[in-house]
Amino acid sequence: MARAMWKASLELGEVKLPVKLYAAVEDRGIHFRLLHEKDRVPVRQRMIDPRDEREVPSEEVRRGLQVDEGVFVLLRGEELASAAPEASRSVEVLRFVPPGAIDLAWYSRPYFLGPDGSDADYFALVEALRRTERRGIARWVMRGSRYYGVLAPHGDHLALLALHAADETVSVDRLAQPTGSAISPGERKLAEQLLATLDAPFEPGELRDDYRERVEKLIEAKREGRTFAVKEAPPPRAKGDLADVLRRSLAAAKGRGRAAA
């Protein structure tokens, strides 16, 4: 059973729905501790003044932002606290937009919103969003930070997809523009055939963190006094022009399809 990380009120004008916020992703990364090699004891980090190598007590440490070479602006904790947004327990929906209005680069982190009472109103909203094909633009304050996000139906429930701030996103217009000769009809047809050959249902189980799995196996092997070595052939390099690459990819895909049948 998922555990709620926050409770709030979903506000659509004068309508308020009590909801619970759930994390839609889990941190499965491996977090190492730094140890003293000699006796395997975890080491501690200290703040050191580089001029005299003297340890600086935590009460003497201040936050500062470098604004010029050797020039810092110091900020006290109470000053930073005064700039924080006012605490709130509401997720305010500002407007509704079509899904295509939100570029993929804006999405940051997914959450789920579950009902916390008023279940009928909650599920009615889910159905309304699905039928009208609209997404809500919402904002909320959680744990001292301001967030913006997209309210969307996800199965029988609501998803709240956090968005990056406007000045954090990079426009695709800043990427290099296509150059060279135009794509020929034959190349386009080969590409379409390749897509059709590889067309298949989405398999979430294929999305594996190979590095984490190998490190876990390495840790388990060392724990048991065994050795573990990774042997993996380097990926093949594509040779030839686009048409040649597509033909080889198409032939390989058809071969895999016949083998799986």
C-alpha atoms as a PDB file:
ATOM      1  CA  MET A   1       0.000   0.000   0.000  1.00  0.00           C
ATOM      2  CA  ALA A   2       1.438   3.358  -1.034  1.00  0.00           C
ATOM      3  CA  ARG A   3       2.115   5.847   1.741  1.00  0.00           C
ATOM      4  CA  ALA A   4       1.027   9.459   1.296  1.00  0.00           C
ATOM      5  CA  MET A   5       3.807  12.032   1.613  1.00  0.00           C
ATOM      6  CA  TRP A   6       1.582  15.130   1.898  1.00  0.00           C
ATOM      7  CA  LYS A   7      -2.054  16.122   2.357  1.00  0.00           C
ATOM      8  CA  ALA A   8      -3.662  19.082   0.644  1.00  0.00           C
ATOM      9  CA  SER A   9      -6.816  20.529  -0.848  1.00  0.00           C
ATOM     10  CA  LEU A  10      -7.206  20.520  -4.620  1.00  0.00           C
ATOM     11  CA  GLU A  11      -8.837  23.857  -5.445  1.00  0.00           C
ATOM     12  CA  LEU A  12     -10.742  24.570  -8.650  1.00  0.00           C
ATOM     13  CA  GLY A  13     -12.262  28.008  -8.128  1.00  0.00           C
ATOM     14  CA  GLU A  14     -14.674  27.666  -5.226  1.00  0.00           C
ATOM     15  CA  VAL A  15     -14.539  23.856  -5.273  1.00  0.00           C
ATOM     16  CA  LYS A  16     -12.136  22.172  -2.860  1.00  0.00           C
ATOM     17  CA  LEU A  17     -11.322  18.459  -2.884  1.00  0.00           C
ATOM     18  CA  PRO A  18      -9.225  16.905  -0.088  1.00  0.00           C
ATOM     19  CA  VAL A  19      -6.402  14.862  -1.620  1.00  0.00           C
ATOM     20  CA  LYS A  20      -3.260  12.967  -0.681  1.00  0.00           C
ATOM     21  CA  LEU A  21       0.010  13.293  -2.590  1.00  0.00           C
ATOM     22  CA  TYR A  22       2.016  10.172  -3.390  1.00  0.00           C
ATOM     23  CA  ALA A  23       5.437   9.845  -4.990  1.00  0.00           C
ATOM     24  CA  ALA A  24       5.164   8.186  -8.407  1.00  0.00           C
ATOM     25  CA  VAL A  25       8.853   7.221  -8.529  1.00  0.00           C
ATOM     26  CA  GLU A  26      11.215   5.717  -5.947  1.00  0.00           C
ATOM     27  CA  ASP A  27      14.902   6.352  -5.436  1.00  0.00           C
ATOM     28  CA  ARG A  28      16.554   2.984  -6.056  1.00  0.00           C
ATOM     29  CA  GLY A  29      20.077   4.348  -6.403  1.00  0.00           C
ATOM     30  CA  ILE A  30      22.980   2.869  -4.437  1.00  0.00           C
ATOM     31  CA  HIS A  31      24.269   5.285  -1.810  1.00  0.00           C
ATOM     32  CA  PHE A  32      27.816   4.637  -0.611  1.00  0.00           C
ATOM     33  CA  ARG A  33      29.418   5.673   2.668  1.00  0.00           C
ATOM     34  CA  LEU A  34      32.973   6.960   2.821  1.00  0.00           C
ATOM     35  CA  LEU A  35      35.123   4.692   5.038  1.00  0.00           C
ATOM     36  CA  HIS A  36      38.606   4.800   6.489  1.00  0.00           C
ATOM     37  CA  GLU A  37      40.418   2.084   4.537  1.00  0.00           C
ATOM     38  CA  LYS A  38      42.476   0.972   7.551  1.00  0.00           C
ATOM     39  CA  ASP A  39      39.676   0.156  10.028  1.00  0.00           C
ATOM     40  CA  ARG A  40      36.475   0.412   7.880  1.00  0.00           C
ATOM     41  CA  VAL A  41      34.989   3.146  10.079  1.00  0.00           C
ATOM     42  CA  PRO A  42      32.784   5.777   8.376  1.00  0.00           C
ATOM     43  CA  VAL A  43      34.610   9.086   8.151  1.00  0.00           C
ATOM     44  CA  ARG A  44      33.132  12.501   8.858  1.00  0.00           C
ATOM     45  CA  GLN A  45      33.455  15.640   6.793  1.00  0.00           C
ATOM     46  CA  ARG A  46      34.753  18.817   8.386  1.00  0.00           C
ATOM     47  CA  MET A  47      34.727  22.460   7.341  1.00  0.00           C
ATOM     48  CA  ILE A  48      38.347  23.600   6.958  1.00  0.00           C
ATOM     49  CA  ASP A  49      39.705  27.115   6.444  1.00  0.00           C
ATOM     50  CA  PRO A  50      42.128  26.605   3.509  1.00  0.00           C
ATOM     51  CA  ARG A  51      44.417  29.395   4.697  1.00  0.00           C
ATOM     52  CA  ASP A  52      45.444  27.868   8.020  1.00  0.00           C
ATOM     53  CA  GLU A  53      43.851  24.366   7.828  1.00  0.00           C
ATOM     54  CA  ARG A  54      41.856  25.205  10.964  1.00  0.00           C
ATOM     55  CA  GLU A  55      38.502  23.487  11.463  1.00  0.00           C
ATOM     56  CA  VAL A  56      35.636  25.993  11.340  1.00  0.00           C
ATOM     57  CA  PRO A  57      32.778  25.340  13.812  1.00  0.00           C
ATOM     58  CA  SER A  58      29.323  25.058  12.235  1.00  0.00           C
ATOM     59  CA  GLU A  59      28.122  28.179  14.069  1.00  0.00           C
ATOM     60  CA  GLU A  60      30.767  30.189  12.213  1.00  0.00           C
ATOM     61  CA  VAL A  61      29.747  28.947   8.748  1.00  0.00           C
ATOM     62  CA  ARG A  62      27.621  31.279   6.596  1.00  0.00           C
ATOM     63  CA  ARG A  63      25.918  30.860   3.222  1.00  0.00           C
ATOM     64  CA  GLY A  64      27.282  33.051   0.465  1.00  0.00           C
ATOM     65  CA  LEU A  65      26.846  33.499  -3.268  1.00  0.00           C
ATOM     66  CA  GLN A  66      29.804  34.578  -5.376  1.00  0.00           C
ATOM     67  CA  VAL A  67      28.783  37.559  -7.524  1.00  0.00           C
ATOM     68  CA  ASP A  68      32.274  38.509  -8.723  1.00  0.00           C
ATOM     69  CA  GLU A  69      35.820  37.251  -8.424  1.00  0.00           C
ATOM     70  CA  GLY A  70      36.451  37.064  -4.668  1.00  0.00           C
ATOM     71  CA  VAL A  71      33.199  38.895  -3.883  1.00  0.00           C
ATOM     72  CA  PHE A  72      30.440  37.073  -1.983  1.00  0.00           C
ATOM     73  CA  VAL A  73      27.017  38.134  -0.773  1.00  0.00           C
ATOM     74  CA  LEU A  74      26.326  36.588   2.633  1.00  0.00           C
ATOM     75  CA  LEU A  75      22.803  35.569   3.608  1.00  0.00           C
ATOM     76  CA  ARG A  76      21.609  34.640   7.082  1.00  0.00           C
ATOM     77  CA  GLY A  77      19.161  31.831   7.679  1.00  0.00           C
ATOM     78  CA  GLU A  78      16.383  34.204   8.685  1.00  0.00           C
ATOM     79  CA  GLU A  79      16.895  36.228   5.498  1.00  0.00           C
ATOM     80  CA  LEU A  80      16.494  33.128   3.352  1.00  0.00           C
ATOM     81  CA  ALA A  81      13.445  32.098   5.386  1.00  0.00           C
ATOM     82  CA  SER A  82      11.825  35.495   4.759  1.00  0.00           C
ATOM     83  CA  ALA A  83      12.107  34.912   0.992  1.00  0.00           C
ATOM     84  CA  ALA A  84      10.433  31.501   1.132  1.00  0.00           C
ATOM     85  CA  PRO A  85       6.829  31.244  -0.121  1.00  0.00           C
ATOM     86  CA  GLU A  86       4.064  31.218   2.462  1.00  0.00           C
ATOM     87  CA  ALA A  87       3.222  27.719   3.662  1.00  0.00           C
ATOM     88  CA  SER A  88       0.007  26.306   2.243  1.00  0.00           C
ATOM     89  CA  ARG A  89      -1.996  23.113   2.026  1.00  0.00           C
ATOM     90  CA  SER A  90      -3.685  23.855  -1.289  1.00  0.00           C
ATOM     91  CA  VAL A  91      -3.042  22.788  -4.870  1.00  0.00           C
ATOM     92  CA  GLU A  92      -4.564  25.615  -6.887  1.00  0.00           C
ATOM     93  CA  VAL A  93      -5.640  24.884 -10.463  1.00  0.00           C
ATOM     94  CA  LEU A  94      -5.057  28.046 -12.507  1.00  0.00           C
ATOM     95  CA  ARG A  95      -6.406  27.036 -15.921  1.00  0.00           C
ATOM     96  CA  PHE A  96      -7.056  24.117 -18.250  1.00  0.00           C
ATOM     97  CA  VAL A  97      -5.172  23.584 -21.523  1.00  0.00           C
ATOM     98  CA  PRO A  98      -4.969  20.894 -24.241  1.00  0.00           C
ATOM     99  CA  PRO A  99      -2.217  18.288 -23.690  1.00  0.00           C
ATOM    100  CA  GLY A 100      -0.257  19.463 -26.716  1.00  0.00           C
ATOM    101  CA  ALA A 101       0.244  22.906 -25.171  1.00  0.00           C
ATOM    102  CA  ILE A 102       2.872  21.527 -22.767  1.00  0.00           C
ATOM    103  CA  ASP A 103       6.274  20.669 -24.224  1.00  0.00           C
ATOM    104  CA  LEU A 104       8.016  17.500 -22.992  1.00  0.00           C
ATOM    105  CA  ALA A 105      11.022  19.536 -21.818  1.00  0.00           C
ATOM    106  CA  TRP A 106       8.881  21.156 -19.122  1.00  0.00           C
ATOM    107  CA  TYR A 107       8.098  17.944 -17.226  1.00  0.00           C
ATOM    108  CA  SER A 108      10.139  17.319 -14.085  1.00  0.00           C
ATOM    109  CA  ARG A 109       8.810  14.720 -11.603  1.00  0.00           C
ATOM    110  CA  PRO A 110       5.555  12.743 -11.424  1.00  0.00           C
ATOM    111  CA  TYR A 111       3.265  12.434  -8.417  1.00  0.00           C
ATOM    112  CA  PHE A 112      -0.103  10.814  -7.851  1.00  0.00           C
ATOM    113  CA  LEU A 113      -3.059  12.503  -6.178  1.00  0.00           C
ATOM    114  CA  GLY A 114      -5.428  10.190  -4.353  1.00  0.00           C
ATOM    115  CA  PRO A 115      -8.774  11.023  -2.731  1.00  0.00           C
ATOM    116  CA  ASP A 116      -8.926  11.879   0.955  1.00  0.00           C
ATOM    117  CA  GLY A 117     -12.692  11.795   1.309  1.00  0.00           C
ATOM    118  CA  SER A 118     -15.209  13.192  -1.231  1.00  0.00           C
ATOM    119  CA  ASP A 119     -14.434  10.223  -3.450  1.00  0.00           C
ATOM    120  CA  ALA A 120     -17.394  10.846  -5.793  1.00  0.00           C
ATOM    121  CA  ASP A 121     -16.242  14.398  -6.598  1.00  0.00           C
ATOM    122  CA  TYR A 122     -12.672  13.217  -7.052  1.00  0.00           C
ATOM    123  CA  PHE A 123     -13.530  10.489  -9.565  1.00  0.00           C
ATOM    124  CA  ALA A 124     -15.966  12.814 -11.353  1.00  0.00           C
ATOM    125  CA  LEU A 125     -13.050  15.195 -11.927  1.00  0.00           C
ATOM    126  CA  VAL A 126     -10.916  12.342 -13.276  1.00  0.00           C
ATOM    127  CA  GLU A 127     -13.643  11.435 -15.753  1.00  0.00           C
ATOM    128  CA  ALA A 128     -14.205  15.064 -16.763  1.00  0.00           C
ATOM    129  CA  LEU A 129     -10.500  15.557 -17.538  1.00  0.00           C
ATOM    130  CA  ARG A 130     -10.486  12.377 -19.578  1.00  0.00           C
ATOM    131  CA  ARG A 131     -13.615  13.239 -21.568  1.00  0.00           C
ATOM    132  CA  THR A 132     -12.661  16.841 -22.301  1.00  0.00           C
ATOM    133  CA  GLU A 133      -9.015  15.928 -23.011  1.00  0.00           C
ATOM    134  CA  ARG A 134      -7.770  18.814 -20.905  1.00  0.00           C
ATOM    135  CA  ARG A 135      -4.884  19.248 -18.485  1.00  0.00           C
ATOM    136  CA  GLY A 136      -4.900  21.519 -15.477  1.00  0.00           C
ATOM    137  CA  ILE A 137      -2.051  23.930 -14.768  1.00  0.00           C
ATOM    138  CA  ALA A 138      -1.616  23.979 -10.996  1.00  0.00           C
ATOM    139  CA  ARG A 139       0.640  25.526  -8.366  1.00  0.00           C
ATOM    140  CA  TRP A 140       1.334  24.643  -4.756  1.00  0.00           C
ATOM    141  CA  VAL A 141       3.815  25.175  -1.923  1.00  0.00           C
ATOM    142  CA  MET A 142       5.329  22.097  -0.296  1.00  0.00           C
ATOM    143  CA  ARG A 143       8.179  21.921   2.204  1.00  0.00           C
ATOM    144  CA  GLY A 144       9.209  25.515   1.684  1.00  0.00           C
ATOM    145  CA  SER A 145       9.300  25.480  -2.117  1.00  0.00           C
ATOM    146  CA  ARG A 146       6.941  26.688  -4.828  1.00  0.00           C
ATOM    147  CA  TYR A 147       5.931  24.147  -7.464  1.00  0.00           C
ATOM    148  CA  TYR A 148       4.016  24.267 -10.714  1.00  0.00           C
ATOM    149  CA  GLY A 149       2.573  21.190 -12.336  1.00  0.00           C
ATOM    150  CA  VAL A 150       0.121  19.550 -14.689  1.00  0.00           C
ATOM    151  CA  LEU A 151      -3.019  17.843 -13.399  1.00  0.00           C
ATOM    152  CA  ALA A 152      -3.921  14.907 -15.640  1.00  0.00           C
ATOM    153  CA  PRO A 153      -5.967  11.694 -15.517  1.00  0.00           C
ATOM    154  CA  HIS A 154      -3.914   8.541 -15.014  1.00  0.00           C
ATOM    155  CA  GLY A 155      -6.004   5.395 -15.140  1.00  0.00           C
ATOM    156  CA  ASP A 156      -8.753   5.871 -12.557  1.00  0.00           C
ATOM    157  CA  HIS A 157      -6.806   8.482 -10.595  1.00  0.00           C
ATOM    158  CA  LEU A 158      -5.101  11.850 -10.930  1.00  0.00           C
ATOM    159  CA  ALA A 159      -1.463  12.482 -11.706  1.00  0.00           C
ATOM    160  CA  LEU A 160       0.308  15.705 -10.761  1.00  0.00           C
ATOM    161  CA  LEU A 161       3.362  16.179 -12.974  1.00  0.00           C
ATOM    162  CA  ALA A 162       5.749  18.811 -11.619  1.00  0.00           C
ATOM    163  CA  LEU A 163       7.105  21.287 -14.176  1.00  0.00           C
ATOM    164  CA  HIS A 164      10.470  23.008 -14.476  1.00  0.00           C
ATOM    165  CA  ALA A 165      10.551  26.777 -14.060  1.00  0.00           C
ATOM    166  CA  ALA A 166      10.410  28.785 -17.278  1.00  0.00           C
ATOM    167  CA  ASP A 167      14.053  29.880 -17.077  1.00  0.00           C
ATOM    168  CA  GLU A 168      15.269  26.286 -16.558  1.00  0.00           C
ATOM    169  CA  THR A 169      14.083  24.881 -19.869  1.00  0.00           C
ATOM    170  CA  VAL A 170      16.067  24.955 -23.114  1.00  0.00           C
ATOM    171  CA  SER A 171      14.222  25.707 -26.341  1.00  0.00           C
ATOM    172  CA  VAL A 172      14.675  23.149 -29.106  1.00  0.00           C
ATOM    173  CA  ASP A 173      15.325  26.108 -31.411  1.00  0.00           C
ATOM    174  CA  ARG A 174      18.784  26.368 -29.822  1.00  0.00           C
ATOM    175  CA  LEU A 175      19.802  23.000 -31.257  1.00  0.00           C
ATOM    176  CA  ALA A 176      21.648  22.654 -34.535  1.00  0.00           C
ATOM    177  CA  GLN A 177      19.305  22.789 -37.497  1.00  0.00           C
ATOM    178  CA  PRO A 178      19.194  20.001 -40.141  1.00  0.00           C
ATOM    179  CA  THR A 179      21.792  20.345 -42.888  1.00  0.00           C
ATOM    180  CA  GLY A 180      22.768  18.382 -45.964  1.00  0.00           C
ATOM    181  CA  SER A 181      20.638  16.882 -48.690  1.00  0.00           C
ATOM    182  CA  ALA A 182      16.924  16.311 -48.247  1.00  0.00           C
ATOM    183  CA  ILE A 183      15.658  12.873 -47.244  1.00  0.00           C
ATOM    184  CA  SER A 184      14.812  10.856 -50.327  1.00  0.00           C
ATOM    185  CA  PRO A 185      11.476   9.044 -50.749  1.00  0.00           C
ATOM    186  CA  GLY A 186      13.323   5.719 -50.582  1.00  0.00           C
ATOM    187  CA  GLU A 187      15.004   6.597 -47.273  1.00  0.00           C
ATOM    188  CA  ARG A 188      11.701   7.771 -45.868  1.00  0.00           C
ATOM    189  CA  LYS A 189      10.000   4.530 -46.911  1.00  0.00           C
ATOM    190  CA  LEU A 190      12.775   2.427 -45.349  1.00  0.00           C
ATOM    191  CA  ALA A 191      12.487   4.375 -42.098  1.00  0.00           C
ATOM    192  CA  GLU A 192       8.715   3.860 -42.029  1.00  0.00           C
ATOM    193  CA  GLN A 193       9.188   0.121 -42.659  1.00  0.00           C
ATOM    194  CA  LEU A 194      11.673  -0.060 -39.797  1.00  0.00           C
ATOM    195  CA  LEU A 195       9.193   1.634 -37.440  1.00  0.00           C
ATOM    196  CA  ALA A 196       6.436  -0.744 -38.521  1.00  0.00           C
ATOM    197  CA  THR A 197       8.693  -3.787 -37.979  1.00  0.00           C
ATOM    198  CA  LEU A 198       9.624  -2.694 -34.455  1.00  0.00           C
ATOM    199  CA  ASP A 199       6.076  -1.727 -33.503  1.00  0.00           C
ATOM    200  CA  ALA A 200       5.196  -3.586 -30.278  1.00  0.00           C
ATOM    201  CA  PRO A 201       3.528  -3.034 -26.880  1.00  0.00           C
ATOM    202  CA  PHE A 202       5.407  -1.039 -24.254  1.00  0.00           C
ATOM    203  CA  GLU A 203       7.223  -3.336 -21.796  1.00  0.00           C
ATOM    204  CA  PRO A 204       8.110  -1.465 -18.557  1.00  0.00           C
ATOM    205  CA  GLY A 205      10.225  -4.411 -17.403  1.00  0.00           C
ATOM    206  CA  GLU A 206      12.738  -3.628 -20.145  1.00  0.00           C
ATOM    207  CA  LEU A 207      13.608  -0.321 -18.478  1.00  0.00           C
ATOM    208  CA  ARG A 208      16.350  -1.627 -16.218  1.00  0.00           C
ATOM    209  CA  ASP A 209      19.215   0.130 -14.497  1.00  0.00           C
ATOM    210  CA  ASP A 210      22.013  -2.174 -15.685  1.00  0.00           C
ATOM    211  CA  TYR A 211      24.668  -0.315 -13.711  1.00  0.00           C
ATOM    212  CA  ARG A 212      22.800  -0.617 -10.404  1.00  0.00           C
ATOM    213  CA  GLU A 213      22.086  -4.316 -10.999  1.00  0.00           C
ATOM    214  CA  ARG A 214      25.758  -5.000 -11.716  1.00  0.00           C
ATOM    215  CA  VAL A 215      26.918  -3.080  -8.662  1.00  0.00           C
ATOM    216  CA  GLU A 216      24.426  -5.026  -6.511  1.00  0.00           C
ATOM    217  CA  LYS A 217      25.784  -8.303  -7.905  1.00  0.00           C
ATOM    218  CA  LEU A 218      29.330  -7.087  -7.296  1.00  0.00           C
ATOM    219  CA  ILE A 219      28.499  -6.189  -3.675  1.00  0.00           C
ATOM    220  CA  GLU A 220      26.798  -9.551  -3.083  1.00  0.00           C
ATOM    221  CA  ALA A 221      29.744 -11.432  -4.610  1.00  0.00           C
ATOM    222  CA  LYS A 222      32.296  -9.605  -2.462  1.00  0.00           C
ATOM    223  CA  ARG A 223      30.123 -10.159   0.596  1.00  0.00           C
ATOM    224  CA  GLU A 224      30.270 -13.902  -0.078  1.00  0.00           C
ATOM    225  CA  GLY A 225      33.963 -13.878  -0.958  1.00  0.00           C
ATOM    226  CA  ARG A 226      33.381 -14.445  -4.677  1.00  0.00           C
ATOM    227  CA  THR A 227      34.436 -12.459  -7.736  1.00  0.00           C
ATOM    228  CA  PHE A 228      32.123 -10.890 -10.272  1.00  0.00           C
ATOM    229  CA  ALA A 229      33.248  -9.620 -13.664  1.00  0.00           C
ATOM    230  CA  VAL A 230      31.159  -7.882 -16.317  1.00  0.00           C
ATOM    231  CA  LYS A 231      31.814  -9.020 -19.877  1.00  0.00           C
ATOM    232  CA  GLU A 232      29.937  -7.102 -22.486  1.00  0.00           C
ATOM    233  CA  ALA A 233      30.775  -6.621 -26.153  1.00  0.00           C
ATOM    234  CA  PRO A 234      30.987  -3.005 -27.325  1.00  0.00           C
ATOM    235  CA  PRO A 235      28.000  -1.811 -29.369  1.00  0.00           C
ATOM    236  CA  PRO A 236      28.523  -2.065 -33.145  1.00  0.00           C
ATOM    237  CA  ARG A 237      29.282   1.115 -35.034  1.00  0.00           C
ATOM    238  CA  ALA A 238      27.044   2.061 -37.920  1.00  0.00           C
ATOM    239  CA  LYS A 239      28.776   2.121 -41.318  1.00  0.00           C
ATOM    240  CA  GLY A 240      27.553   3.451 -44.635  1.00  0.00           C
ATOM    241  CA  ASP A 241      24.888   5.997 -45.483  1.00  0.00           C
ATOM    242  CA  LEU A 242      21.417   6.278 -43.959  1.00  0.00           C
ATOM    243  CA  ALA A 243      19.842   3.953 -46.509  1.00  0.00           C
ATOM    244  CA  ASP A 244      22.421   1.206 -45.811  1.00  0.00           C
ATOM    245  CA  VAL A 245      21.969   1.536 -42.047  1.00  0.00           C
ATOM    246  CA  LEU A 246      18.186   1.386 -42.365  1.00  0.00           C
ATOM    247  CA  ARG A 247      18.322  -1.687 -44.629  1.00  0.00           C
ATOM    248  CA  ARG A 248      20.560  -3.556 -42.185  1.00  0.00           C
ATOM    249  CA  SER A 249      18.394  -2.514 -39.233  1.00  0.00           C
ATOM    250  CA  LEU A 250      15.273  -3.605 -41.082  1.00  0.00           C
ATOM    251  CA  ALA A 251      16.776  -6.999 -41.925  1.00  0.00           C
ATOM    252  CA  ALA A 252      17.918  -7.496 -38.314  1.00  0.00           C
ATOM    253  CA  ALA A 253      14.497  -6.542 -36.978  1.00  0.00           C
ATOM    254  CA  LYS A 254      12.749  -8.983 -39.322  1.00  0.00           C
ATOM    255  CA  GLY A 255      15.166 -11.695 -38.228  1.00  0.00           C
ATOM    256  CA  ARG A 256      14.377 -11.098 -34.559  1.00  0.00           C
ATOM    257  CA  GLY A 257      10.669 -11.158 -35.380  1.00  0.00           C
ATOM    258  CA  ARG A 258      10.920 -14.562 -37.093  1.00  0.00           C
ATOM    259  CA  ALA A 259      12.987 -15.961 -34.201  1.00  0.00           C
ATOM    260  CA  ALA A 260      10.410 -14.810 -31.637  1.00  0.00           C
ATOM    261  CA  ALA A 261       7.500 -16.308 -33.604  1.00  0.00           C
END
